[in-house]
Protein backbone atom coordinates (compact mmCIF):
# COMPACT_ATOMS: atom_id res chain seq x y z
CA MET A 1 -8.35 8.57 42.77
CA THR A 2 -8.29 6.92 39.35
CA ALA A 3 -6.29 8.84 36.74
CA ARG A 4 -8.23 10.08 33.74
CA PRO A 5 -7.70 7.86 30.69
CA THR A 6 -5.84 9.35 27.75
CA LEU A 7 -7.31 9.26 24.28
CA ARG A 8 -4.45 7.05 23.14
CA GLU A 9 -5.44 4.50 25.79
CA LEU A 10 -8.97 4.46 24.36
CA ARG A 11 -8.06 3.78 20.74
CA ALA A 12 -9.55 0.28 20.93
CA CYS A 13 -12.94 1.94 21.57
CA LEU A 14 -12.60 3.87 18.31
CA GLU A 15 -12.42 0.90 15.93
CA GLY A 16 -16.15 0.84 15.18
CA ALA A 17 -16.72 -2.62 16.69
CA VAL A 18 -19.27 -1.24 19.21
CA PRO A 19 -21.39 1.80 18.24
CA ALA A 20 -20.80 4.93 20.29
CA VAL A 21 -23.53 7.23 21.61
CA LEU A 22 -23.51 11.02 21.13
CA ALA A 23 -25.46 13.44 23.34
CA THR A 24 -26.04 17.02 22.12
CA CYS A 25 -28.24 19.97 23.07
CA ASP A 26 -29.88 22.63 20.96
CA ALA A 27 -29.69 26.35 21.67
CA ASP A 28 -32.55 26.04 24.20
CA GLY A 29 -30.88 23.18 26.09
CA VAL A 30 -33.14 20.43 24.77
CA PRO A 31 -31.06 17.21 24.63
CA ASN A 32 -30.80 14.70 21.80
CA VAL A 33 -29.15 11.27 21.87
CA ALA A 34 -28.05 9.34 18.77
CA TYR A 35 -25.89 6.37 17.84
CA LEU A 36 -22.69 7.07 15.90
CA SER A 37 -21.25 5.07 13.03
CA GLN A 38 -17.73 6.35 13.69
CA VAL A 39 -15.61 8.01 16.32
CA PHE A 40 -12.22 8.29 14.64
CA TYR A 41 -8.89 8.85 16.42
CA VAL A 42 -7.09 11.88 14.99
CA ASP A 43 -4.43 12.55 17.63
CA GLU A 44 -4.02 12.74 21.41
CA ARG A 45 -6.36 15.75 21.64
CA HIS A 46 -8.82 15.30 18.77
CA VAL A 47 -11.40 12.87 17.38
CA ALA A 48 -13.53 13.04 14.25
CA LEU A 49 -17.18 12.00 13.95
CA SER A 50 -18.80 11.02 10.67
CA PHE A 51 -21.20 13.58 9.19
CA GLN A 52 -23.68 11.62 7.06
CA PHE A 53 -27.04 13.37 7.37
CA PHE A 54 -28.29 16.88 8.10
CA ASN A 55 -30.39 15.80 11.08
CA LYS A 56 -31.17 16.89 14.63
CA THR A 57 -27.65 16.06 15.79
CA ARG A 58 -26.12 18.17 13.04
CA ARG A 59 -28.38 21.14 13.78
CA ASN A 60 -27.56 20.93 17.48
CA ILE A 61 -23.80 20.87 16.91
CA LEU A 62 -23.96 23.93 14.67
CA ALA A 63 -25.98 25.75 17.34
CA ASN A 64 -24.06 24.45 20.38
CA PRO A 65 -20.58 22.97 19.76
CA HIS A 66 -20.32 21.10 23.08
CA ALA A 67 -21.26 17.40 23.22
CA THR A 68 -20.60 14.14 25.08
CA VAL A 69 -19.69 10.77 23.58
CA MET A 70 -20.14 7.44 25.34
CA LEU A 71 -17.62 4.76 24.32
CA ILE A 72 -17.55 1.04 25.10
CA HIS A 73 -14.36 -1.00 25.03
CA PRO A 74 -14.99 -3.97 22.70
CA ARG A 75 -12.90 -6.40 24.78
CA THR A 76 -13.51 -5.37 28.39
CA GLY A 77 -16.97 -3.78 28.32
CA GLY A 78 -15.54 -0.73 30.08
CA MET A 79 -17.44 2.51 29.44
CA TYR A 80 -15.93 5.96 28.95
CA ARG A 81 -17.18 9.49 28.38
CA LEU A 82 -15.54 12.05 26.12
CA HIS A 83 -16.44 15.70 26.58
CA ILE A 84 -15.86 17.25 23.19
CA ARG A 85 -16.13 20.58 21.35
CA TYR A 86 -16.83 20.91 17.61
CA LEU A 87 -14.10 22.70 15.63
CA ARG A 88 -14.59 22.18 11.88
CA THR A 89 -15.71 19.86 9.08
CA GLU A 90 -13.31 18.41 6.49
CA SER A 91 -14.79 17.13 3.23
CA GLU A 92 -11.55 16.13 1.48
CA GLY A 93 -8.01 15.09 2.27
CA ALA A 94 -6.35 12.31 4.24
CA LEU A 95 -8.67 12.26 7.27
CA PHE A 96 -11.79 12.28 5.11
CA GLU A 97 -10.51 9.45 2.89
CA ARG A 98 -9.52 7.28 5.86
CA MET A 99 -12.94 7.69 7.45
CA LYS A 100 -14.67 7.13 4.13
CA ALA A 101 -12.86 3.81 3.65
CA GLN A 102 -13.62 2.67 7.20
CA LEU A 103 -17.28 3.66 6.87
CA ALA A 104 -17.60 1.64 3.66
CA GLY A 105 -16.54 -1.46 5.58
CA ILE A 106 -18.88 -0.71 8.50
CA ALA A 107 -21.80 -0.12 6.12
CA SER A 108 -21.26 -3.38 4.26
CA HIS A 109 -20.83 -5.33 7.51
CA SER A 110 -24.09 -3.95 8.93
CA GLY A 111 -26.11 -4.27 5.71
CA MET A 112 -26.28 -0.50 5.22
CA ASP A 113 -24.65 -0.22 1.77
CA GLY A 114 -26.14 2.77 -0.01
CA VAL A 115 -27.34 4.30 3.28
CA PHE A 116 -24.08 5.23 4.99
CA LYS A 117 -22.42 7.96 2.94
CA LEU A 118 -19.77 10.22 4.39
CA LEU A 119 -20.45 13.90 3.70
CA GLY A 120 -17.72 15.20 5.95
CA SER A 121 -15.39 14.53 8.88
CA ASP A 122 -16.43 16.60 11.90
CA VAL A 123 -13.30 17.34 13.95
CA TYR A 124 -13.69 17.82 17.71
CA GLU A 125 -11.32 18.80 20.49
CA VAL A 126 -11.43 16.36 23.40
CA GLU A 127 -11.65 18.57 26.48
CA ARG A 128 -11.52 15.64 28.90
CA ALA A 129 -12.08 11.88 29.10
CA GLU A 130 -13.37 9.92 32.08
CA GLN A 131 -14.16 6.33 32.95
CA VAL A 132 -17.72 5.44 33.90
CA PRO A 133 -17.86 3.48 37.19
CA GLY A 134 -18.27 -0.24 36.62
CA GLN A 135 -16.47 -3.57 36.61
CA PRO A 136 -14.95 -4.22 33.19
CA VAL A 137 -13.30 -7.56 32.59
CA PRO A 138 -9.49 -7.63 32.35
CA LEU A 139 -7.88 -7.12 28.97
CA PRO A 140 -6.64 -10.32 27.33
CA PRO A 141 -2.85 -10.61 27.05
CA ARG A 142 -1.29 -8.68 24.17
CA PRO A 143 0.17 -10.75 21.35
CA GLU A 144 3.86 -11.27 21.99
CA GLY A 145 6.67 -10.75 19.55
CA ARG A 146 5.62 -7.59 17.70
CA ILE A 147 8.51 -5.47 18.95
CA ALA A 148 10.98 -8.31 18.41
CA ALA A 149 9.69 -8.80 14.86
CA LEU A 150 9.96 -5.06 14.23
CA ARG A 151 13.55 -5.03 15.47
CA THR A 152 14.45 -8.04 13.30
CA CYS A 153 12.94 -6.32 10.28
CA ALA A 154 14.76 -3.02 10.93
CA GLU A 155 18.09 -4.83 11.30
CA ALA A 156 17.53 -6.86 8.13
CA ILE A 157 16.62 -3.75 6.14
CA ALA A 158 19.71 -1.97 7.48
CA ARG A 159 21.90 -4.86 6.24
CA SER A 160 20.32 -4.86 2.79
CA THR A 161 22.59 -4.00 -0.11
CA THR A 162 19.91 -4.41 -2.80
CA LEU A 163 16.23 -3.57 -3.11
CA GLU A 164 15.50 -7.29 -3.39
CA ASP A 165 17.10 -7.87 0.02
CA ALA A 166 15.03 -5.09 1.61
CA LEU A 167 11.75 -6.31 0.12
CA SER A 168 12.47 -9.90 1.16
CA ALA A 169 13.12 -8.72 4.72
CA VAL A 170 9.81 -6.87 4.83
CA LEU A 171 7.72 -9.73 3.43
CA ALA A 172 9.41 -12.29 5.70
CA THR A 173 8.62 -10.15 8.74
CA LEU A 174 5.00 -9.69 7.74
CA SER A 175 4.44 -13.36 6.94
CA ASP A 176 6.51 -15.09 9.62
CA GLY A 177 6.91 -12.54 12.40
CA LEU A 178 3.55 -10.76 12.35
CA ALA A 179 1.17 -13.45 11.03
CA MET A 180 0.23 -11.39 7.96
CA PRO A 181 0.74 -13.97 5.20
CA HIS A 182 -1.04 -12.04 2.42
CA ALA A 183 1.08 -9.02 1.58
CA MET A 184 2.55 -7.07 -1.31
CA VAL A 185 4.76 -4.10 -2.04
CA LEU A 186 4.00 -1.73 -4.91
CA MET A 187 6.29 0.98 -6.28
CA HIS A 188 5.18 4.35 -7.61
CA ASP A 189 5.76 5.30 -11.24
CA ALA A 190 5.56 9.08 -10.94
CA ALA A 191 5.53 9.72 -14.69
CA ALA A 192 2.50 7.48 -15.26
CA ASP A 193 1.00 8.11 -11.79
CA ARG A 194 0.56 4.38 -11.32
CA LEU A 195 1.60 1.74 -8.83
CA TYR A 196 3.15 -1.55 -9.94
CA THR A 197 3.65 -4.69 -7.86
CA VAL A 198 7.30 -5.63 -7.30
CA ALA A 199 6.97 -8.25 -4.55
CA SER A 200 4.24 -10.30 -2.87
CA CYS A 201 3.67 -13.33 -0.66
CA GLY A 202 0.76 -15.60 0.16
CA TYR A 203 -0.95 -15.65 -3.25
CA ALA A 204 -1.38 -18.34 -5.90
CA THR A 205 0.36 -16.05 -8.42
CA SER A 206 2.85 -13.32 -7.59
CA GLY A 207 1.14 -10.59 -9.59
CA VAL A 208 4.53 -8.96 -10.16
CA GLY A 209 4.02 -6.26 -12.76
CA SER A 210 0.29 -5.79 -12.09
CA GLU A 211 -0.71 -2.13 -11.96
CA LEU A 212 -3.14 0.14 -10.15
CA LYS A 213 -3.92 3.76 -10.76
CA VAL A 214 -3.17 6.15 -7.92
CA GLY A 215 -6.55 6.71 -6.26
CA GLN A 216 -7.87 3.24 -7.16
CA GLY A 217 -8.93 0.99 -4.29
CA VAL A 218 -7.52 0.90 -0.78
CA ILE A 219 -3.96 0.89 -2.14
CA GLY A 220 -4.50 3.76 -4.56
CA VAL A 221 -6.26 5.96 -1.99
CA ALA A 222 -3.42 5.42 0.50
CA ALA A 223 -0.97 6.49 -2.22
CA ARG A 224 -2.96 9.54 -3.30
CA GLU A 225 -3.58 10.85 0.21
CA ARG A 226 -0.18 9.79 1.62
CA THR A 227 -1.93 8.22 4.61
CA PRO A 228 -2.73 4.73 5.93
CA VAL A 229 -6.14 3.36 4.90
CA ARG A 230 -7.67 0.50 6.88
CA ILE A 231 -10.86 -1.50 6.36
CA SER A 232 -11.92 -4.05 8.98
CA HIS A 233 -14.96 -5.67 7.32
CA LEU A 234 -15.74 -7.13 3.91
CA THR A 235 -16.95 -4.26 1.75
CA SER A 236 -18.63 -4.23 -1.63
CA ALA A 237 -18.06 -0.50 -2.05
CA ALA A 238 -16.81 -0.09 -5.62
CA ALA A 239 -14.22 2.51 -4.66
CA TYR A 240 -12.40 0.00 -2.47
CA THR A 241 -12.85 -3.22 -4.45
CA GLN A 242 -9.56 -4.64 -5.68
CA ALA A 243 -11.07 -7.35 -7.90
CA MET A 244 -10.02 -5.92 -11.26
CA ARG A 245 -9.15 -9.15 -12.97
CA GLY A 246 -11.77 -8.73 -15.68
CA ALA A 247 -11.40 -5.00 -16.23
CA LEU A 248 -8.76 -3.15 -18.24
CA ALA A 249 -7.98 0.53 -18.04
CA PRO A 250 -9.10 2.27 -21.26
CA GLU A 251 -5.55 3.06 -22.28
CA ASP A 252 -4.34 -0.54 -21.90
CA GLU A 253 -4.04 -2.73 -24.97
CA PRO A 254 -5.81 -6.11 -24.76
CA GLY A 255 -3.39 -8.81 -23.66
CA THR A 256 -1.05 -6.44 -21.80
CA GLU A 257 -2.58 -6.75 -18.34
CA ILE A 258 -1.09 -8.80 -15.49
CA PRO A 259 -3.70 -10.18 -13.05
CA TYR A 260 -3.83 -8.47 -9.67
CA PRO A 261 -2.92 -11.09 -7.03
CA GLY A 262 -5.22 -10.01 -4.17
CA LEU A 263 -7.74 -12.10 -2.24
CA ARG A 264 -11.16 -12.33 -3.87
CA GLU A 265 -13.08 -11.56 -0.67
CA PRO A 266 -10.79 -9.82 1.82
CA HIS A 267 -12.51 -8.98 5.11
CA SER A 268 -9.62 -6.82 6.35
CA GLN A 269 -7.27 -4.58 4.37
CA LEU A 270 -4.52 -2.19 5.38
CA ALA A 271 -2.49 -0.04 2.98
CA VAL A 272 0.38 2.16 4.17
CA PRO A 273 2.28 4.59 1.92
CA VAL A 274 6.05 4.25 1.67
CA LEU A 275 7.41 7.79 1.88
CA SER A 276 10.77 9.52 2.00
CA GLN A 277 11.16 13.26 2.50
CA GLY A 278 7.48 13.65 1.66
CA ARG A 279 7.83 11.85 -1.69
CA LEU A 280 5.67 8.83 -2.47
CA LEU A 281 7.85 5.81 -3.22
CA GLY A 282 5.25 3.06 -3.02
CA VAL A 283 2.69 1.29 -0.85
CA LEU A 284 2.94 -1.56 1.65
CA PHE A 285 -0.28 -3.61 1.69
CA VAL A 286 -1.66 -6.48 3.77
CA GLU A 287 -5.05 -8.17 3.74
CA GLY A 288 -6.79 -11.07 5.41
CA PRO A 289 -9.89 -13.28 5.25
CA HIS A 290 -11.26 -12.34 8.70
CA ASP A 291 -13.05 -9.27 10.07
CA LEU A 292 -11.13 -6.99 12.46
CA GLN A 293 -7.83 -8.66 11.55
CA PHE A 294 -5.87 -5.39 11.60
CA GLY A 295 -6.28 -2.79 14.32
CA TYR A 296 -4.48 0.42 15.16
CA GLU A 297 -1.50 -1.47 16.60
CA GLU A 298 -0.98 -3.36 13.34
CA GLU A 299 -1.28 -0.04 11.53
CA ASP A 300 1.40 1.48 13.78
CA VAL A 301 3.72 -1.46 13.08
CA LEU A 302 3.25 -1.23 9.31
CA VAL A 303 3.83 2.53 9.32
CA THR A 304 7.12 1.93 11.13
CA ILE A 305 8.19 -0.78 8.68
CA ALA A 306 7.22 1.42 5.72
CA SER A 307 9.36 4.25 7.14
CA HIS A 308 12.41 1.99 7.34
CA LEU A 309 11.75 0.68 3.84
CA GLY A 310 11.39 4.21 2.44
CA ALA A 311 14.73 5.27 3.92
CA ALA A 312 16.41 2.14 2.54
CA ILE A 313 15.01 2.68 -0.95
CA ASP A 314 16.33 6.23 -0.97
CA LEU A 315 19.79 5.15 0.22
CA LEU A 316 19.98 2.36 -2.35
CA GLN A 317 18.89 4.82 -5.02
CA VAL A 318 21.80 7.19 -4.37
CA ALA A 319 24.42 4.48 -3.80
CA PRO A 320 27.17 4.84 -6.45
CA ASP A 321 27.11 2.36 -9.30
CA ALA A 322 30.06 0.03 -9.52
CA GLU A 323 32.98 0.97 -11.73
CA PRO A 324 34.82 0.48 -14.00
CA GLU A 325 32.51 0.63 -17.00
CA VAL A 326 31.58 -2.76 -18.46
CA PRO A 327 33.65 -3.57 -21.58
CA ARG A 328 31.73 -3.40 -24.84
CA GLY A 329 33.06 -6.63 -26.26
CA THR A 330 31.74 -9.22 -23.81
CA PRO A 331 31.50 -12.69 -25.39
CA ALA A 332 28.04 -13.92 -26.26
CA SER A 333 26.32 -16.54 -24.12
CA THR A 334 25.71 -20.07 -25.38
CA GLU A 335 22.52 -20.29 -27.45
CA ALA A 336 20.86 -23.30 -29.02
CA GLY A 337 17.47 -24.40 -30.29
CA THR A 338 14.73 -22.58 -32.15
CA ALA A 339 14.65 -18.80 -32.06
CA LEU A 340 12.65 -17.01 -29.35
CA GLN A 341 10.64 -14.15 -30.83
CA VAL A 342 10.83 -10.89 -28.86
CA ARG A 343 8.17 -8.50 -30.15
CA HIS A 344 8.26 -4.79 -29.24
CA PHE A 345 5.43 -2.25 -29.47
CA ALA A 346 6.90 1.25 -29.46
CA ALA A 347 3.65 2.99 -28.44
CA ASN A 348 3.97 1.84 -24.83
CA ASP A 349 7.21 -0.18 -24.92
CA SER A 350 5.32 -3.42 -24.33
CA LEU A 351 7.19 -6.66 -24.99
CA PHE A 352 5.95 -10.13 -25.87
CA LEU A 353 8.01 -13.33 -25.68
CA GLY A 354 6.46 -15.42 -28.41
CA ASP A 355 2.74 -14.83 -27.94
CA GLN A 356 2.97 -14.20 -24.19
CA TYR A 357 2.90 -10.69 -22.78
CA LEU A 358 5.91 -9.88 -20.59
CA ILE A 359 6.13 -6.24 -19.56
CA LYS A 360 5.65 -2.67 -20.72
CA GLY A 361 6.75 0.86 -19.90
CA VAL A 362 10.27 1.69 -18.76
CA ALA A 363 11.02 -1.94 -17.86
CA GLY A 364 10.01 -2.95 -21.38
CA ALA A 365 12.23 -0.26 -22.89
CA ILE A 366 15.16 -1.48 -20.79
CA LEU A 367 14.84 -5.08 -21.94
CA TRP A 368 14.42 -4.00 -25.56
CA LYS A 369 17.71 -2.10 -25.32
CA LEU A 370 19.46 -5.11 -23.79
CA VAL A 371 18.31 -7.63 -26.40
CA ARG A 372 19.10 -5.22 -29.27
CA ASP A 373 22.62 -4.66 -27.93
CA HIS A 374 23.03 -8.41 -27.51
CA ALA A 375 21.81 -9.09 -31.05
CA SER A 376 24.14 -6.51 -32.61
CA THR A 377 27.31 -6.99 -30.53
CA GLY A 378 26.88 -10.21 -28.56
CA ARG A 379 27.05 -8.34 -25.26
CA THR A 380 25.72 -9.95 -22.10
CA GLU A 381 27.26 -7.73 -19.39
CA PHE A 382 25.62 -4.39 -18.56
CA SER A 383 25.63 -1.71 -15.86
CA ASN A 384 23.07 0.50 -14.17
CA ARG A 385 25.17 3.51 -15.05
CA GLU A 386 24.90 3.04 -18.80
CA LEU A 387 21.13 2.64 -18.50
CA ARG A 388 20.90 5.91 -16.59
CA LEU A 389 22.97 7.65 -19.26
CA ASP A 390 20.90 6.30 -22.17
CA PRO A 391 18.50 9.10 -23.26
CA ALA A 392 16.30 6.65 -25.17
CA LEU A 393 15.09 5.12 -21.89
CA ARG A 394 13.76 8.48 -20.64
CA LEU A 395 14.54 7.74 -17.00
CA PRO A 396 13.67 10.66 -14.71
CA GLU A 397 16.66 12.56 -13.41
CA VAL A 398 15.45 12.33 -9.81
CA SER A 399 14.35 9.04 -8.23
CA ASP A 400 14.36 6.92 -11.38
CA ASN A 401 13.55 3.72 -9.42
CA LEU A 402 15.93 1.85 -11.70
CA GLU A 403 16.57 -0.86 -9.10
CA ALA A 404 12.83 -1.49 -8.78
CA ARG A 405 12.37 -1.64 -12.55
CA LEU A 406 15.25 -4.10 -12.95
CA LEU A 407 13.90 -6.25 -10.12
CA LEU A 408 10.46 -6.21 -11.73
CA LEU A 409 11.98 -7.24 -15.05
CA GLN A 410 14.11 -9.95 -13.44
CA ARG A 411 11.09 -11.52 -11.72
CA ARG A 412 8.85 -11.34 -14.77
CA LEU A 413 11.51 -13.13 -16.82
CA GLN A 414 11.87 -15.80 -14.11
CA GLU A 415 8.14 -16.49 -14.31
CA HIS A 416 8.39 -16.96 -18.09
CA GLY A 417 11.04 -19.69 -17.97
CA SER A 418 14.79 -20.00 -18.43
CA ASP A 419 15.24 -18.90 -22.06
CA LEU A 420 15.89 -15.26 -21.17
CA ARG A 421 17.07 -14.15 -17.73
CA ILE A 422 18.74 -11.29 -15.90
CA GLU A 423 21.08 -12.00 -13.00
CA ARG A 424 23.03 -9.68 -10.72
CA THR A 425 26.81 -9.83 -10.95
CA GLY A 426 27.65 -7.09 -8.44
CA ARG A 427 26.59 -3.65 -7.29
CA GLY A 428 25.20 -1.84 -10.29
CA ARG A 429 26.04 -4.70 -12.67
CA PHE A 430 24.00 -7.48 -14.22
CA ARG A 431 24.15 -10.13 -16.92
CA LEU A 432 21.68 -10.98 -19.69
CA GLN A 433 21.43 -14.77 -19.96
CA VAL A 434 20.23 -15.96 -23.37
CA ALA A 435 19.61 -19.70 -23.80
CA ARG A 436 18.06 -19.54 -27.30
CA PRO A 437 18.69 -17.41 -30.37
CA LEU A 438 16.54 -14.27 -30.36
CA LYS A 439 14.37 -13.04 -33.21
CA LEU A 440 13.63 -9.35 -32.64
CA VAL A 441 10.44 -7.93 -34.16
CA GLU A 442 9.45 -4.26 -34.10
CA ALA A 443 5.65 -4.29 -34.34
C-alpha cells in the first residue's frame, strides 16, 4: 500500500505553476468546482487559499467548511487530492503579504493585472492528502551542491572577524555556489526605518548607499513583515516594483540619492529578512531574469544563510573594541595638490566631495567628525570606541550598526577615488587616508 504523501512532499505543487482545482458544496450538498490562483504552503498541516471574490466558492465555504483540492505536480504530472477544512481568513500580516506578492506575479504573468486582487488569505487545515492513481514521470535529478555550498558559507561566516568578511562570504556563496549572481545585502537603520545597501554583486554599479523605505517593494515588505517574500514571474504591480531610479522620496534633497542597483526587468525575486532575537538587522535579496528561478528550496537555503549572517552580525556587534585608546597626536598623512572641498549639510548630515554627493545620515556625520579632527589636529588614526562615545553622532545605545556604517562609508569613498579613504588597521581601529588638502565647508 502506497504511503500517503506529506504536505511537505507536495510543496512543488504549491508554486502556482499549474492551477489547482477546488471542489466545494453548499449547505444543500450542491457541488461547485472552480480553478484556484493560489494554494499556499503554510506548514505541515495547513495551506492557505487566496480569497479574491465573494462568489459561489466563498459562499459555499462559509456554509460548509469542508472542501477538496486537486493538485498537479509541475514536473511529473502526478495528481494529488487534499481534503481540507476552512479555519479562518487573514487580511494582514506575514502570510497575507507573502500571498499578495506571489499573486501579483501570477496576475502579471497571466495577463490578469487589475483583476487578481487579494482580499484575504483563507487558512485551511489539511485533514489528509492522497495520490490519484496514474503514471507520473520520474522527477528530474535535484541540483547538486546546495548542501555543500551551505556548509562552505556557514564555515566562512564562522571564521569572519569583520562584517566585510561575513558579507563577502555570503555573496560569494550566492554567486558561485548557488548560481544566484544578482544579489545584495541591505542593513536596517531603525531610527530612520529605512534599509541601505552595504554589499552587492552582479550589477553594473554597486548601489552601495542606496536606500529603500521599510514596506517598499519586495525587499521592504520582507523587512516590515519579518518574513520571506518571493515572486516567480515578472510583475508590473507598483507595490513590488524596484525601479526607483527616477523617483526621490519627498524628504530627500535633490542630488542626494544613490541609484538602486537592481535589474530593470526581474522575472524572479526573493527577499529574506536577516533577524537576530526577533530584531530586524537587514535583508538578503536575490533576483534573476527568468521565471520560476527561485522555488521553495532556494527560499529555505536563503533563510538558513540569513540566520547565520544575523548571528554573526550580532556577535561582531558585541565584540570588544581594541585597546589601548588611539593617541591624540598621530602625525598627519602626506597631502599634495589642490584642495578637495568637503561640504556638509547639517539638516541631514549629507556630505559632498566637490560637487559629487557622497553619503548622508550617521555615516555622513561620522566622516564629518573625522575630517574635522584631521583638519584641527592632523589626526589620521581613530577607533570605534571613540565614535561610540561621541554624543554628537547620536548612535543608538543598542545595536548601533557601527561596523555596517563604517563599511558603507569605506566603500562609498573607494568609489569616489583615492583622495580620501578609510582603511582598517585592526579590530576596532581604522585610518583616515588623505591624499589632498581638505577644504571644509559647512553649508
